[in-house]
Amino acid sequence: MTRRINLPQFLLVGTAKAGTTSIASYLKSHPAINLPQKETFFFCNQEIVTELPYPMQRNERTVVRNFSEYLTLYNNNNSTLLSGEIGTAYLYYFEHSIPLIKTYLGTNIKIIIVLRNPIERAYSSYLHFVKDGFEKSDFATSLMAEEQRIKENWDFMWHHKKIGLYHDQVKAYLNSFENVNILYYDDMKQRPEYFIKKLCSILEIDFLPDLQMESKNPSGLPRFRALQQLLTHNGPIKQVLRPFVRSVWGPEKRNQIKKRMKSQNLIDAPEMNKNDKYKLIEYYRTDIKKLEALLDVDLNYWLQ
């Protein structure tokens, strides 16, 4: 019997730290959608190196390196479902991603881009690593270290500033594909129902109000650093507890408990330092103005 392959008809290509985990959760629960794996990194896999330990680089097990492996994710799927993938690195690594997307999925595929104020996005990206105890430096020091980290092939999620230079990224997708749709993180936070309805309209699926787009990747600072360290880092205590925990709960339940404990251990992060914010506003000003002209939208509030 011939195995059916239902390759993606849509790609949400980024940006990172713009609610894509919550979007993935909503779409996975939608009966019309097939989203077998949130991120594969297949279309930018040559940019994803795994020689350094996590989190400087990501785990090799999370990266799909060849098309045959990618195909297995979409084999034997119900052909009536709308297949897709969410890849937060595809927008940033557009020079590598776009040619592969065109080769394997064509130019008619629906492209969805979610943009977030790059200044807020950079701070959120920084806090992502502070939260789990991987970033010890303050924000300004972390930004100064970015170029060196890029040279050392640290994962793209550490490129706090550079990811937010959207103009060339967005322009490349607009020039390469016939169906490119731009959404905004601000709408997701301020008008979630409007955002979901717009997303469903783009995908041509029914809006289901009973499905909630919950926050799946909360931000903040750890209330108890030792607890956060235990939950996110390997160590002797964790090695002792691991056999007992695994004997009591399965992988899914363990992951749920871990996420809940991490979330409950968070407190609100302080606002960005005004001097750091001013420097980022000037860093992004030209790119934001170019993006405004490209999309014919007013993004001046990003520079407030």
Foldseek 3Di string as FASTA:
>chain_A
DDKDFQDALEEAADAPPLLLVLVVQLQVPDPQEDELDAAACQLPLVLQDDPDDPPQGDDPVSHDDDVVVVRVSRINDDNRHHYYYYHNCCLVPVVRRLVVCCVPPNQARAYEYEAELLLVQLVQLVQLCQALPNDDDDSVVLQVCLVVSVVVSGDPSSNSQSSNLRLVSVVSSVVRHDHYYYHYSVCCVPPVLVRQVVVCVSVVHDDDVVRDSDRQRDGAHFQDNVVSNLLRDDDDVVVVCVVVVVVVDPPVVVVVVSSVVSVVRGDHHDDDDPVSSLVSLVVCVVSVVSNCVVVVHDPCVSSD
